[in-house]
């Protein structure tokens, strides 16, 4: 599984940005930024904001992981499809 906090920190550092700059951009303090770096997962709205601020698509890491998993196991999405059908999400 992806540790998105580590990925965010790496991209921030690769861009030569500071934690202070990032905190200001997120309208939070530096301690919250360090907490983000420690998180294995981040709320999708927050990840969207971070993606915009850093001009980097962090969602692609999850998409890539899904592709790898579905290649390993052709039945990977089968259960999700069955749940959606049961719940009337699609016919």
Foldseek 3Di string as FASTA:
>chain_A
DAQLLCVLVVLCVVVVHDLCVVCVQVVHDSVVNVVSSRGRDDDPVVQVSSCVVSVHNSCVVVVVVVVVVCVVPVCVCVVVVVVCVVVVVDD
